[in-house]
Amino acid sequence: SQQGGEAMSDSSSPAEIMDMEALLAQEGLGLGNIPEKGDIRKGVITAITSNEILIDVQSKADGLIAGRELEGINPRTLEEFKVGEEILVYVLEPEDINGHVVLSYTRAQEEQDWEKVEQSLESGDVITTFVEGYNKGGLLVPVGQLRGFVPGSLVSVFREGDTGAPEDRWSEAIGKEITLKVIEVDRSRQRLILSERDAIGETREAIKDQLLDNLAVGDRVTGYVSSLADFGAFVNIQGVDGLVHLSELSWDHVDHPSDLVKVGQELEVEVISIDEEKRRIGLSMRRLQDNPWIEKAEEIQEGQLIQGTITNLTDFGAFARIENTDLEGLIHISELSLDRVGHPSEVVSVGETLALRVISLDMERHRIGLSLEKVDSDEY
């Protein structure tokens, strides 16, 4: 420029214009170096105070990190900053009212992190980080400056706890390292979804195979109720559902599983069957409970005389409820009389109370054999 700050005249020669551009470039004021919103630039820290950080971004004005952008920087990272250090920054505003270029350090890191996870999504590379937190849906993990989410269905079943409550399922994972695969990236929605199962090649069928190999009938295991049906409750054991049939929920009569259990409830169950061909697991709650039938039946002895009330008649015999109990025994048709009987109704009727002899006790099958014919038998 001419002395006094006058602009170059229209008659300036090409050589003079080239010299001027070179001078501007040398001073960091080149015509092509004007910062634009969204630029990510390398800058050199020129000053650090408690309120702001000045950055030389090779522009006509100093770059500035202040206010929320300064507060958003991790304190440990902030302590490591030094004058003269080169850092990456994101241009929020090319010029504020004071002529500064408004910058963000964390936004620059975020943009870089978004690029990295997009590359990982494309390449299929895994990411190693740690579990920072959880909610009812799954795990929260940091990926650089980003926060990713691992849905519970994509967490390794060997990591989660045994109950449906989030604090019990995930609390032990806090602070632990985790290897993940990126399965969804959406910058506009700030959405980053990851999977531990995909990262370690864990499939539901592989999990089921491993569990079936390790389980045996009689094992006691802990799981949580995953769903209810009219015929029973499904219990999740290490990611695999087994069925507690309605009849195996309790020794008492149960109309519906919801009368006893609810989804998410932790249960201890016993494995009562494994069908490897159909890949089904049968479970029982009642096998772990005291059997009231056994306790009551232990007070009865074979050969004992009891009072029984007839409750039901069938073609093969009559059922009688033993006095002062809710136990029922069967009087087989052959035990009703010495004479041939065509139907139990020829000898007894419902509601009738009779003296009866206990002739058999099958504790395992919960069966009591009674006899009317042997009440006066010399055998006893």
Protein backbone atom coordinates (compact mmCIF):
# COMPACT_ATOMS: atom_id res chain seq x y z
CA SER A 1 0.00 0.00 0.00
CA GLN A 2 0.98 3.57 -0.46
CA GLN A 3 2.19 5.69 2.46
CA GLY A 4 -0.66 6.98 4.63
CA GLY A 5 -2.65 3.72 4.27
CA GLU A 6 -3.96 4.50 0.79
CA ALA A 7 -4.97 1.42 -1.21
CA MET A 8 -3.03 0.34 -4.26
CA SER A 9 -4.09 2.13 -7.37
CA ASP A 10 -5.81 0.34 -10.21
CA SER A 11 -2.63 0.88 -12.19
CA SER A 12 -0.52 -1.31 -9.83
CA SER A 13 1.58 -3.75 -11.81
CA PRO A 14 1.15 -7.54 -11.48
CA ALA A 15 4.56 -7.69 -9.81
CA GLU A 16 3.47 -5.19 -7.15
CA ILE A 17 0.28 -7.18 -6.47
CA MET A 18 2.30 -10.41 -6.12
CA ASP A 19 4.70 -8.72 -3.70
CA MET A 20 1.76 -7.49 -1.61
CA GLU A 21 0.15 -10.97 -1.45
CA ALA A 22 3.47 -12.45 -0.38
CA LEU A 23 3.76 -9.83 2.38
CA LEU A 24 0.21 -10.53 3.57
CA ALA A 25 0.83 -14.28 3.55
CA GLN A 26 4.01 -13.75 5.57
CA GLU A 27 2.04 -11.82 8.17
CA GLY A 28 -0.71 -14.44 8.25
CA LEU A 29 -3.19 -12.12 6.52
CA GLY A 30 -3.45 -13.80 3.15
CA LEU A 31 -6.62 -13.30 1.18
CA GLY A 32 -7.33 -17.04 1.29
CA ASN A 33 -6.79 -17.32 5.06
CA ILE A 34 -9.98 -15.65 6.30
CA PRO A 35 -11.59 -18.03 8.83
CA GLU A 36 -15.07 -19.33 8.12
CA LYS A 37 -17.64 -20.74 10.48
CA GLY A 38 -17.16 -24.50 10.82
CA ASP A 39 -13.45 -24.46 9.94
CA ILE A 40 -11.14 -26.67 11.96
CA ARG A 41 -7.73 -25.02 12.24
CA LYS A 42 -4.41 -25.50 13.91
CA GLY A 43 -3.60 -22.61 16.19
CA VAL A 44 -0.83 -21.65 18.60
CA ILE A 45 -1.65 -20.63 22.17
CA THR A 46 -0.37 -17.08 22.74
CA ALA A 47 -1.83 -16.31 26.16
CA ILE A 48 -3.72 -18.12 28.96
CA THR A 49 -5.70 -16.37 31.68
CA SER A 50 -8.42 -17.51 34.06
CA ASN A 51 -11.06 -16.03 31.73
CA GLU A 52 -9.77 -16.72 28.23
CA ILE A 53 -7.23 -18.36 25.99
CA LEU A 54 -5.84 -16.43 23.02
CA ILE A 55 -4.98 -18.45 19.93
CA ASP A 56 -3.03 -17.41 16.85
CA VAL A 57 -4.96 -18.95 13.95
CA GLN A 58 -3.02 -17.09 11.23
CA SER A 59 -5.79 -14.55 10.79
CA LYS A 60 -5.90 -10.75 10.95
CA ALA A 61 -7.40 -11.06 14.47
CA ASP A 62 -6.61 -13.21 17.49
CA GLY A 63 -8.69 -16.28 18.12
CA LEU A 64 -10.43 -16.48 21.49
CA ILE A 65 -11.69 -19.34 23.68
CA ALA A 66 -13.78 -17.93 26.51
CA GLY A 67 -17.06 -18.29 28.42
CA ARG A 68 -18.86 -21.60 28.01
CA GLU A 69 -16.27 -22.88 25.60
CA LEU A 70 -13.54 -22.41 28.18
CA GLU A 71 -15.67 -23.97 30.93
CA GLY A 72 -16.39 -26.97 28.71
CA ILE A 73 -12.73 -28.00 28.51
CA ASN A 74 -11.76 -30.84 30.82
CA PRO A 75 -9.86 -29.29 33.78
CA ARG A 76 -7.03 -31.80 33.38
CA THR A 77 -6.67 -30.90 29.70
CA LEU A 78 -6.78 -27.21 30.57
CA GLU A 79 -3.95 -27.61 33.06
CA GLU A 80 -1.76 -29.17 30.37
CA PHE A 81 -2.14 -26.24 27.93
CA LYS A 82 1.03 -24.16 27.54
CA VAL A 83 1.82 -20.94 25.70
CA GLY A 84 3.39 -21.84 22.37
CA GLU A 85 1.56 -25.17 22.16
CA GLU A 86 -0.25 -25.98 18.92
CA ILE A 87 -3.87 -27.20 19.25
CA LEU A 88 -6.85 -27.84 17.00
CA VAL A 89 -9.77 -25.41 17.26
CA TYR A 90 -13.20 -25.05 15.67
CA VAL A 91 -14.35 -21.66 14.33
CA LEU A 92 -17.69 -20.77 15.92
CA GLU A 93 -17.78 -17.16 14.65
CA PRO A 94 -15.29 -15.55 12.22
CA GLU A 95 -15.58 -12.23 14.11
CA ASP A 96 -17.31 -11.05 17.27
CA ILE A 97 -18.10 -7.45 18.28
CA ASN A 98 -14.52 -7.03 19.48
CA GLY A 99 -13.05 -8.38 16.27
CA HIS A 100 -11.92 -11.72 17.74
CA VAL A 101 -12.33 -15.07 16.02
CA VAL A 102 -14.54 -17.09 18.42
CA LEU A 103 -13.14 -20.60 18.83
CA SER A 104 -14.00 -23.91 20.51
CA TYR A 105 -11.50 -26.55 21.54
CA THR A 106 -14.04 -29.24 22.53
CA ARG A 107 -16.01 -28.81 19.30
CA ALA A 108 -12.85 -29.43 17.28
CA GLN A 109 -12.22 -32.61 19.25
CA GLU A 110 -15.84 -33.68 18.77
CA GLU A 111 -15.66 -33.15 15.02
CA GLN A 112 -12.51 -35.25 14.89
CA ASP A 113 -14.18 -37.93 17.00
CA TRP A 114 -17.22 -37.99 14.72
CA GLU A 115 -14.89 -38.53 11.77
CA LYS A 116 -13.15 -41.36 13.62
CA VAL A 117 -16.38 -43.20 14.52
CA GLU A 118 -17.66 -42.77 10.96
CA GLN A 119 -14.44 -44.38 9.73
CA SER A 120 -14.86 -47.17 12.30
CA LEU A 121 -18.43 -47.74 11.13
CA GLU A 122 -17.21 -48.06 7.55
CA SER A 123 -14.19 -50.22 8.33
CA GLY A 124 -15.74 -52.36 11.07
CA ASP A 125 -12.84 -51.63 13.42
CA VAL A 126 -13.52 -52.01 17.14
CA ILE A 127 -13.17 -49.28 19.77
CA THR A 128 -11.89 -49.80 23.31
CA THR A 129 -13.18 -47.49 26.03
CA PHE A 130 -14.71 -47.86 29.52
CA VAL A 131 -18.19 -47.89 31.05
CA GLU A 132 -19.01 -44.43 32.39
CA GLY A 133 -22.62 -44.91 33.45
CA TYR A 134 -25.91 -46.62 32.71
CA ASN A 135 -29.64 -46.08 32.45
CA LYS A 136 -32.55 -48.51 32.29
CA GLY A 137 -31.83 -49.17 28.62
CA GLY A 138 -28.12 -49.93 28.68
CA LEU A 139 -24.58 -48.60 29.15
CA LEU A 140 -23.12 -45.13 28.59
CA VAL A 141 -19.55 -44.95 27.31
CA PRO A 142 -17.20 -42.07 26.36
CA VAL A 143 -15.67 -42.14 22.88
CA GLY A 144 -13.27 -39.23 22.92
CA GLN A 145 -15.47 -36.16 23.50
CA LEU A 146 -18.58 -38.07 22.43
CA ARG A 147 -20.92 -40.13 24.55
CA GLY A 148 -21.99 -43.44 23.07
CA PHE A 149 -24.82 -45.77 24.06
CA VAL A 150 -24.73 -49.57 24.24
CA PRO A 151 -28.30 -50.96 24.37
CA GLY A 152 -28.81 -53.70 26.93
CA SER A 153 -29.60 -56.20 24.18
CA LEU A 154 -26.14 -55.56 22.70
CA VAL A 155 -24.18 -55.89 25.95
CA SER A 156 -22.42 -59.22 26.46
CA VAL A 157 -24.59 -61.44 28.64
CA PHE A 158 -21.48 -62.43 30.54
CA ARG A 159 -21.06 -58.82 31.69
CA GLU A 160 -24.54 -58.08 33.04
CA GLY A 161 -25.82 -59.05 36.47
CA ASP A 162 -28.62 -61.48 37.22
CA THR A 163 -31.56 -59.18 37.84
CA GLY A 164 -33.66 -56.86 35.73
CA ALA A 165 -33.07 -53.75 37.86
CA PRO A 166 -30.57 -51.45 36.03
CA GLU A 167 -28.54 -50.72 39.17
CA ASP A 168 -28.05 -54.46 39.69
CA ARG A 169 -27.58 -55.41 36.04
CA TRP A 170 -24.98 -52.78 35.22
CA SER A 171 -23.48 -51.35 38.42
CA GLU A 172 -20.55 -53.78 38.44
CA ALA A 173 -19.58 -52.68 34.92
CA ILE A 174 -18.85 -49.06 35.93
CA GLY A 175 -15.22 -48.13 35.25
CA LYS A 176 -14.44 -51.40 33.48
CA GLU A 177 -12.90 -51.57 30.03
CA ILE A 178 -15.20 -52.51 27.17
CA THR A 179 -14.56 -53.32 23.51
CA LEU A 180 -17.26 -52.12 21.12
CA LYS A 181 -18.23 -52.02 17.48
CA VAL A 182 -19.90 -48.93 15.97
CA ILE A 183 -23.29 -49.83 14.50
CA GLU A 184 -24.94 -46.40 14.05
CA VAL A 185 -23.65 -42.82 13.66
CA ASP A 186 -25.92 -39.78 13.28
CA ARG A 187 -24.16 -36.44 13.82
CA SER A 188 -27.31 -34.37 13.38
CA ARG A 189 -29.03 -36.21 16.25
CA GLN A 190 -25.84 -36.60 18.30
CA ARG A 191 -26.51 -40.33 18.18
CA LEU A 192 -23.76 -42.93 18.54
CA ILE A 193 -24.83 -46.57 19.06
CA LEU A 194 -22.34 -49.33 19.78
CA SER A 195 -22.43 -53.08 20.39
CA GLU A 196 -20.30 -55.25 22.62
CA ARG A 197 -21.79 -58.46 21.25
CA ASP A 198 -20.88 -57.55 17.68
CA ALA A 199 -17.38 -56.56 18.78
CA ILE A 200 -16.67 -59.95 20.34
CA GLY A 201 -18.64 -61.97 17.80
CA GLU A 202 -21.22 -63.03 20.36
CA THR A 203 -24.47 -64.31 18.88
CA ARG A 204 -27.58 -65.44 20.70
CA GLU A 205 -27.26 -68.95 19.31
CA ALA A 206 -23.63 -69.19 20.41
CA ILE A 207 -24.61 -68.01 23.88
CA LYS A 208 -27.39 -70.60 24.03
CA ASP A 209 -25.04 -73.37 22.88
CA GLN A 210 -22.54 -72.47 25.56
CA LEU A 211 -25.19 -72.31 28.27
CA LEU A 212 -26.71 -75.66 27.26
CA ASP A 213 -23.25 -77.23 27.36
CA ASN A 214 -22.65 -75.94 30.88
CA LEU A 215 -26.10 -76.60 32.41
CA ALA A 216 -27.22 -79.86 33.98
CA VAL A 217 -30.52 -81.04 35.40
CA GLY A 218 -30.52 -80.27 39.11
CA ASP A 219 -28.43 -77.10 38.81
CA ARG A 220 -29.62 -74.10 40.79
CA VAL A 221 -29.25 -70.86 38.83
CA THR A 222 -30.28 -67.24 39.18
CA GLY A 223 -32.02 -65.19 36.50
CA TYR A 224 -34.66 -62.54 36.05
CA VAL A 225 -38.20 -62.77 34.72
CA SER A 226 -38.15 -61.62 31.09
CA SER A 227 -41.83 -62.18 30.21
CA LEU A 228 -45.05 -63.81 31.39
CA ALA A 229 -47.54 -66.04 29.58
CA ASP A 230 -50.74 -67.79 30.68
CA PHE A 231 -48.84 -71.09 30.88
CA GLY A 232 -45.80 -69.88 32.82
CA ALA A 233 -42.95 -67.41 33.32
CA PHE A 234 -39.85 -67.07 31.13
CA VAL A 235 -36.66 -66.55 33.11
CA ASN A 236 -33.52 -65.11 31.49
CA ILE A 237 -30.37 -66.98 32.49
CA GLN A 238 -27.19 -65.43 31.07
CA GLY A 239 -29.10 -64.17 28.04
CA VAL A 240 -31.11 -67.35 27.39
CA ASP A 241 -34.76 -67.82 28.34
CA GLY A 242 -35.98 -70.90 30.18
CA LEU A 243 -39.59 -71.67 31.11
CA VAL A 244 -41.04 -72.07 34.59
CA HIS A 245 -44.31 -73.80 33.78
CA LEU A 246 -47.38 -72.72 35.73
CA SER A 247 -47.31 -76.03 37.61
CA GLU A 248 -43.69 -75.43 38.67
CA LEU A 249 -44.22 -71.96 40.17
CA SER A 250 -45.54 -73.18 43.51
CA TRP A 251 -46.79 -76.25 45.35
CA ASP A 252 -50.05 -74.36 45.79
CA HIS A 253 -52.52 -73.76 42.98
CA VAL A 254 -51.67 -70.71 40.83
CA ASP A 255 -54.14 -69.19 38.37
CA HIS A 256 -51.64 -67.00 36.53
CA PRO A 257 -47.86 -66.35 36.86
CA SER A 258 -48.53 -62.67 37.60
CA ASP A 259 -50.05 -63.78 40.92
CA LEU A 260 -46.53 -64.72 42.08
CA VAL A 261 -43.87 -62.99 39.96
CA LYS A 262 -43.38 -59.85 37.85
CA VAL A 263 -41.18 -58.95 34.89
CA GLY A 264 -37.70 -57.93 36.00
CA GLN A 265 -37.89 -59.84 39.28
CA GLU A 266 -34.82 -61.82 40.30
CA LEU A 267 -35.45 -65.53 40.84
CA GLU A 268 -33.49 -68.58 41.89
CA VAL A 269 -34.68 -71.62 39.96
CA GLU A 270 -33.75 -75.25 39.50
CA VAL A 271 -33.08 -76.78 36.08
CA ILE A 272 -35.51 -79.70 35.72
CA SER A 273 -35.15 -80.49 32.01
CA ILE A 274 -32.89 -79.75 29.05
CA ASP A 275 -34.09 -80.56 25.53
CA GLU A 276 -30.97 -80.13 23.39
CA GLU A 277 -32.79 -81.04 20.18
CA LYS A 278 -35.53 -78.42 20.67
CA ARG A 279 -33.10 -76.19 22.59
CA ARG A 280 -35.46 -75.70 25.51
CA ILE A 281 -34.75 -75.36 29.21
CA GLY A 282 -37.32 -76.32 31.84
CA LEU A 283 -37.09 -74.58 35.19
CA SER A 284 -38.82 -74.82 38.54
CA MET A 285 -39.38 -72.47 41.44
CA ARG A 286 -41.31 -74.89 43.61
CA ARG A 287 -38.49 -77.45 43.73
CA LEU A 288 -36.55 -74.94 45.83
CA GLN A 289 -39.44 -74.48 48.24
CA ASP A 290 -40.37 -76.72 51.14
CA ASN A 291 -42.94 -79.22 49.91
CA PRO A 292 -46.00 -78.89 52.16
CA TRP A 293 -47.34 -82.21 50.86
CA ILE A 294 -44.24 -84.03 52.14
CA GLU A 295 -44.45 -82.31 55.52
CA LYS A 296 -48.10 -83.30 55.92
CA ALA A 297 -47.67 -86.81 54.54
CA GLU A 298 -44.80 -87.51 56.95
CA GLU A 299 -47.39 -87.52 59.75
CA ILE A 300 -49.15 -90.46 58.10
CA GLN A 301 -47.87 -94.03 58.28
CA GLU A 302 -48.57 -97.01 56.11
CA GLY A 303 -51.10 -99.25 57.85
CA GLN A 304 -52.65 -96.39 59.80
CA LEU A 305 -56.41 -96.11 60.17
CA ILE A 306 -57.77 -92.68 59.24
CA GLN A 307 -61.07 -90.94 58.69
CA GLY A 308 -61.63 -89.89 55.06
CA THR A 309 -64.37 -87.99 53.24
CA ILE A 310 -65.18 -89.04 49.68
CA THR A 311 -64.55 -86.10 47.32
CA ASN A 312 -64.77 -87.61 43.82
CA LEU A 313 -65.71 -90.79 42.02
CA THR A 314 -64.09 -92.14 38.86
CA ASP A 315 -64.34 -95.37 36.90
CA PHE A 316 -61.16 -96.64 38.56
CA GLY A 317 -61.87 -95.68 42.14
CA ALA A 318 -62.82 -93.01 44.69
CA PHE A 319 -60.80 -90.09 46.05
CA ALA A 320 -60.99 -89.29 49.74
CA ARG A 321 -59.68 -86.32 51.70
CA ILE A 322 -57.93 -87.34 54.89
CA GLU A 323 -59.50 -85.83 58.00
CA ASN A 324 -57.84 -82.62 59.36
CA THR A 325 -55.64 -82.26 56.24
CA ASP A 326 -55.97 -81.16 52.63
CA LEU A 327 -54.34 -84.40 51.43
CA GLU A 328 -56.27 -86.74 49.19
CA GLY A 329 -55.75 -90.44 48.65
CA LEU A 330 -57.12 -92.89 46.13
CA ILE A 331 -59.27 -95.89 47.05
CA HIS A 332 -58.75 -98.07 44.00
CA ILE A 333 -61.89 -99.88 42.87
CA SER A 334 -60.26 -103.16 43.89
CA GLU A 335 -59.89 -101.83 47.47
CA LEU A 336 -63.54 -100.95 47.97
CA SER A 337 -64.89 -104.43 48.68
CA LEU A 338 -64.05 -108.15 48.62
CA ASP A 339 -66.90 -108.52 46.15
CA ARG A 340 -66.60 -107.44 42.52
CA VAL A 341 -67.52 -103.75 42.07
CA GLY A 342 -68.63 -102.36 38.69
CA HIS A 343 -68.41 -98.69 39.77
CA PRO A 344 -67.38 -96.99 43.05
CA SER A 345 -70.88 -95.49 43.37
CA GLU A 346 -72.14 -98.99 44.22
CA VAL A 347 -70.20 -98.80 47.50
CA VAL A 348 -69.54 -95.14 48.44
CA SER A 349 -70.93 -91.67 47.68
CA VAL A 350 -69.45 -88.16 47.55
CA GLY A 351 -69.53 -86.46 50.97
CA GLU A 352 -69.58 -89.71 52.91
CA THR A 353 -67.03 -90.02 55.74
CA LEU A 354 -65.55 -93.48 56.32
CA ALA A 355 -62.85 -95.27 58.26
CA LEU A 356 -60.04 -96.10 55.79
CA ARG A 357 -56.70 -97.88 55.91
CA VAL A 358 -53.51 -96.32 54.50
CA ILE A 359 -51.95 -99.07 52.36
CA SER A 360 -49.24 -97.14 50.44
CA LEU A 361 -47.28 -93.86 50.49
CA ASP A 362 -45.37 -92.62 47.43
CA MET A 363 -43.56 -89.47 48.57
CA GLU A 364 -41.89 -88.83 45.24
CA ARG A 365 -45.09 -89.00 43.19
CA HIS A 366 -47.29 -87.52 45.95
CA ARG A 367 -49.68 -90.45 46.06
CA ILE A 368 -51.50 -92.04 48.97
CA GLY A 369 -53.20 -95.41 48.58
CA LEU A 370 -56.27 -96.04 50.73
CA SER A 371 -58.43 -99.08 51.29
CA LEU A 372 -61.95 -99.62 52.59
CA GLU A 373 -61.77 -103.37 52.18
CA LYS A 374 -58.68 -103.72 54.44
CA VAL A 375 -60.00 -101.69 57.39
CA ASP A 376 -60.58 -104.94 59.35
CA SER A 377 -57.75 -106.90 57.71
CA ASP A 378 -55.67 -109.16 59.97
CA GLU A 379 -52.65 -108.05 57.88
CA TYR A 380 -52.55 -104.77 59.85
